Protein backbone atom coordinates (compact mmCIF):
# COMPACT_ATOMS: atom_id res chain seq x y z
CA UNK A 1 -12.09 -6.44 20.45
CA UNK A 2 -8.38 -6.99 20.13
CA UNK A 3 -6.11 -7.26 23.15
CA UNK A 4 -4.27 -4.17 24.31
CA UNK A 5 -1.01 -5.54 22.86
CA UNK A 6 -2.68 -6.19 19.50
CA UNK A 7 -4.14 -2.67 19.54
CA UNK A 8 -0.67 -1.18 20.10
CA UNK A 9 0.71 -3.41 17.36
CA UNK A 10 -1.95 -2.26 14.88
CA UNK A 11 -1.38 1.40 15.77
CA UNK A 12 2.39 0.99 15.29
CA UNK A 13 1.97 -0.84 12.00
CA UNK A 14 -0.41 1.81 10.67
CA UNK A 15 2.12 4.50 11.50
CA UNK A 16 4.90 2.45 9.89
CA UNK A 17 3.06 1.66 6.65
CA UNK A 18 1.99 5.29 6.23
CA UNK A 19 5.58 6.41 6.78
CA UNK A 20 6.82 3.97 4.13
CA UNK A 21 4.18 5.22 1.71
CA UNK A 22 5.18 8.84 2.30
CA UNK A 23 8.81 8.01 1.61
CA UNK A 24 7.96 6.19 -1.64
CA UNK A 25 5.55 8.90 -2.83
CA UNK A 26 8.16 11.57 -2.16
CA UNK A 27 10.67 9.73 -4.36
CA UNK A 28 13.06 8.39 -1.75
CA UNK A 29 12.63 4.72 -2.59
CA UNK A 30 13.70 2.12 -5.10
CA UNK A 31 11.94 -0.87 -6.62
CA UNK A 32 12.93 -3.12 -3.71
CA UNK A 33 11.39 -0.67 -1.22
CA UNK A 34 8.17 -0.72 -3.24
CA UNK A 35 8.13 -4.53 -3.37
CA UNK A 36 8.59 -4.64 0.42
CA UNK A 37 5.70 -2.21 0.84
CA UNK A 38 3.47 -4.32 -1.43
CA UNK A 39 4.23 -7.43 0.64
CA UNK A 40 3.79 -5.58 3.94
CA UNK A 41 0.46 -4.13 2.82
CA UNK A 42 -0.88 -7.54 1.76
CA UNK A 43 0.15 -9.12 5.07
CA UNK A 44 -1.17 -6.21 7.12
CA UNK A 45 -4.57 -6.35 5.38
CA UNK A 46 -4.86 -10.00 6.43
CA UNK A 47 -3.81 -9.11 9.99
CA UNK A 48 -6.38 -6.30 10.18
CA UNK A 49 -9.18 -8.52 8.88
CA UNK A 50 -8.48 -11.10 11.57
CA UNK A 51 -7.96 -8.64 14.43
CA UNK A 52 -10.75 -6.11 14.16
CA UNK A 53 -14.51 -6.36 14.09
CA UNK A 54 -15.20 -2.69 13.30
CA UNK A 55 -17.23 -2.77 10.08
CA UNK A 56 -16.07 0.71 9.00
CA UNK A 57 -12.43 -0.38 9.25
CA UNK A 58 -13.12 -3.66 7.47
CA UNK A 59 -14.87 -1.81 4.64
CA UNK A 60 -11.78 0.33 4.08
CA UNK A 61 -9.45 -2.65 4.28
CA UNK A 62 -11.45 -4.25 1.47
CA UNK A 63 -10.97 -1.13 -0.66
CA UNK A 64 -7.16 -1.07 -0.37
CA UNK A 65 -5.82 -2.03 -3.80
CA UNK A 66 -3.73 -5.15 -4.25
CA UNK A 67 -0.28 -3.99 -5.26
CA UNK A 68 2.39 -5.97 -7.12
CA UNK A 69 4.79 -5.34 -9.95
CA UNK A 70 3.25 -8.25 -11.83
CA UNK A 71 0.03 -6.26 -11.94
CA UNK A 72 1.81 -3.19 -13.33
CA UNK A 73 3.90 -5.13 -15.86
CA UNK A 74 0.94 -5.26 -18.21
CA UNK A 75 2.38 -2.50 -20.38
CA UNK A 76 1.58 -2.21 -24.04
CA UNK A 77 3.69 -4.04 -26.60
CA UNK A 78 4.48 -0.74 -28.28
CA UNK A 79 6.63 0.31 -25.32
CA UNK A 80 8.59 -2.95 -25.52
CA UNK A 81 9.19 -2.42 -29.19
CA UNK A 82 10.61 1.05 -28.80
CA UNK A 83 14.34 1.19 -29.07
CA UNK A 84 16.60 3.02 -26.67
CA UNK A 85 13.86 4.56 -24.49
CA UNK A 86 11.73 1.42 -24.23
CA UNK A 87 13.12 0.30 -20.86
CA UNK A 88 12.94 3.80 -19.42
CA UNK A 89 9.34 4.31 -20.56
CA UNK A 90 8.31 0.89 -19.26
CA UNK A 91 9.85 1.50 -15.82
CA UNK A 92 8.36 4.98 -15.67
CA UNK A 93 4.91 3.68 -16.63
CA UNK A 94 5.09 0.91 -14.04
CA UNK A 95 6.21 3.34 -11.31
CA UNK A 96 3.43 5.76 -12.23
CA UNK A 97 0.77 3.02 -11.97
CA UNK A 98 2.25 1.78 -8.68
CA UNK A 99 2.33 5.30 -7.20
CA UNK A 100 -1.34 5.81 -8.06
CA UNK A 101 -2.25 2.66 -6.12
CA UNK A 102 0.08 3.59 -3.25
CA UNK A 103 -1.59 7.01 -2.96
CA UNK A 104 -5.02 5.39 -2.99
CA UNK A 105 -3.96 2.85 -0.34
CA UNK A 106 -2.41 5.64 1.72
CA UNK A 107 -5.80 7.38 1.87
CA UNK A 108 -7.50 4.22 3.09
CA UNK A 109 -4.79 3.50 5.66
CA UNK A 110 -5.04 7.10 6.93
CA UNK A 111 -8.77 6.67 7.29
CA UNK A 112 -8.27 3.36 9.10
CA UNK A 113 -5.75 5.01 11.41
CA UNK A 114 -8.26 7.76 12.27
CA UNK A 115 -11.04 5.24 12.89
CA UNK A 116 -8.75 3.03 14.93
CA UNK A 117 -7.61 5.93 17.14
CA UNK A 118 -11.25 6.92 17.66
CA UNK A 119 -12.12 3.34 18.62
CA UNK A 120 -9.25 3.16 21.11
CA UNK A 121 -10.16 6.46 22.80
């Protein structure tokens, strides 16, 4: 079991990452905000794996998708070849793919938050 300070830290970080995800999903974020979230999520997954022994939490951590713009950049060549709207369509497609993963991750983090609060009670 994690120390009391680590437990508070995990609870705070869960609240923070869910808040960031809400803001991005609701459209109040730019590409830099999304990149920061991707990095934060990757680091937080590592932190959770090393600071909890609850198998239900660890199962959900393993299900959180890896998020990066490199992953979403795999857009078809046809979009690149389009004139005028090519850049817009590419960015829109990338954002759409990223938002789908963010929503999925948000569900897992919400579940982890619930399990973590139950464990702390």
